[in-house]
Amino acid sequence: MADLAIVFHWTPTDCADFSLRELMEWRERARQRSMNEAPHGAQPPPPGAARRRR
């Protein structure tokens, strides 16, 4: 969860409702983003956005 906090600026509370699978998926996204160095100010979708897609 430290990866999520550093890359996406999320708190443990933001991720509390994630399943283990969701945490691992977001962790992988954080790893990829940290490797690619997103442009300054780029923000990911808020936690749970993947579940709210139309």
C-alpha atoms as a PDB file:
ATOM      1  CA  MET A   1       0.000   0.000   0.000  1.00  0.00           C
ATOM      2  CA  ALA A   2       2.986   2.293   0.335  1.00  0.00           C
ATOM      3  CA  ASP A   3       3.253   2.290  -3.469  1.00  0.00           C
ATOM      4  CA  LEU A   4      -0.320   3.564  -3.720  1.00  0.00           C
ATOM      5  CA  ALA A   5       0.349   6.271  -1.151  1.00  0.00           C
ATOM      6  CA  ILE A   6       3.495   7.484  -2.890  1.00  0.00           C
ATOM      7  CA  VAL A   7       2.330   7.314  -6.499  1.00  0.00           C
ATOM      8  CA  PHE A   8      -1.371   8.152  -6.192  1.00  0.00           C
ATOM      9  CA  HIS A   9      -1.345  10.043  -2.853  1.00  0.00           C
ATOM     10  CA  TRP A  10      -3.984   7.720  -1.409  1.00  0.00           C
ATOM     11  CA  THR A  11      -4.364   6.956   2.280  1.00  0.00           C
ATOM     12  CA  PRO A  12      -5.066   3.511   3.738  1.00  0.00           C
ATOM     13  CA  THR A  13      -8.662   4.673   4.241  1.00  0.00           C
ATOM     14  CA  ASP A  14      -8.953   5.326   0.490  1.00  0.00           C
ATOM     15  CA  CYS A  15      -8.053   1.684  -0.157  1.00  0.00           C
ATOM     16  CA  ALA A  16      -9.849   0.057   2.780  1.00  0.00           C
ATOM     17  CA  ASP A  17     -12.714  -1.339   0.700  1.00  0.00           C
ATOM     18  CA  PHE A  18     -10.490  -2.854  -1.997  1.00  0.00           C
ATOM     19  CA  SER A  19     -10.309  -6.606  -2.303  1.00  0.00           C
ATOM     20  CA  LEU A  20      -6.871  -8.191  -2.310  1.00  0.00           C
ATOM     21  CA  ARG A  21      -7.122  -8.549  -6.089  1.00  0.00           C
ATOM     22  CA  GLU A  22      -7.953  -4.833  -6.486  1.00  0.00           C
ATOM     23  CA  LEU A  23      -5.055  -3.851  -4.238  1.00  0.00           C
ATOM     24  CA  MET A  24      -2.678  -5.935  -6.323  1.00  0.00           C
ATOM     25  CA  GLU A  25      -4.036  -4.459  -9.576  1.00  0.00           C
ATOM     26  CA  TRP A  26      -3.656  -0.882  -8.285  1.00  0.00           C
ATOM     27  CA  ARG A  27      -0.211  -1.718  -6.939  1.00  0.00           C
ATOM     28  CA  GLU A  28       0.830  -2.870 -10.411  1.00  0.00           C
ATOM     29  CA  ARG A  29      -0.525   0.365 -11.898  1.00  0.00           C
ATOM     30  CA  ALA A  30       1.473   2.312  -9.317  1.00  0.00           C
ATOM     31  CA  ARG A  31       4.605   0.353 -10.209  1.00  0.00           C
ATOM     32  CA  GLN A  32       4.114   1.035 -13.913  1.00  0.00           C
ATOM     33  CA  ARG A  33       3.428   4.712 -13.338  1.00  0.00           C
ATOM     34  CA  SER A  34       6.485   5.116 -11.129  1.00  0.00           C
ATOM     35  CA  MET A  35       8.618   3.503 -13.852  1.00  0.00           C
ATOM     36  CA  ASN A  36       7.226   5.843 -16.530  1.00  0.00           C
ATOM     37  CA  GLU A  37       7.241   9.021 -14.436  1.00  0.00           C
ATOM     38  CA  ALA A  38       3.879  10.602 -15.279  1.00  0.00           C
ATOM     39  CA  PRO A  39       3.971  14.305 -16.128  1.00  0.00           C
ATOM     40  CA  HIS A  40       3.911  16.576 -13.095  1.00  0.00           C
ATOM     41  CA  GLY A  41       0.388  17.103 -11.856  1.00  0.00           C
ATOM     42  CA  ALA A  42      -1.090  14.034 -13.572  1.00  0.00           C
ATOM     43  CA  GLN A  43      -3.624  12.368 -11.325  1.00  0.00           C
ATOM     44  CA  PRO A  44      -5.032   8.839 -11.484  1.00  0.00           C
ATOM     45  CA  PRO A  45      -8.740   8.171 -11.266  1.00  0.00           C
ATOM     46  CA  PRO A  46     -10.045   8.181  -7.695  1.00  0.00           C
ATOM     47  CA  PRO A  47     -10.113   4.880  -5.788  1.00  0.00           C
ATOM     48  CA  GLY A  48     -12.992   2.710  -6.899  1.00  0.00           C
ATOM     49  CA  ALA A  49     -13.342   4.434 -10.279  1.00  0.00           C
ATOM     50  CA  ALA A  50     -12.726   1.154 -12.066  1.00  0.00           C
ATOM     51  CA  ARG A  51     -15.817  -0.236 -10.356  1.00  0.00           C
ATOM     52  CA  ARG A  52     -17.948   2.749 -11.358  1.00  0.00           C
ATOM     53  CA  ARG A  53     -17.270   2.701 -15.073  1.00  0.00           C
ATOM     54  CA  ARG A  54     -20.300   2.759 -17.321  1.00  0.00           C
END
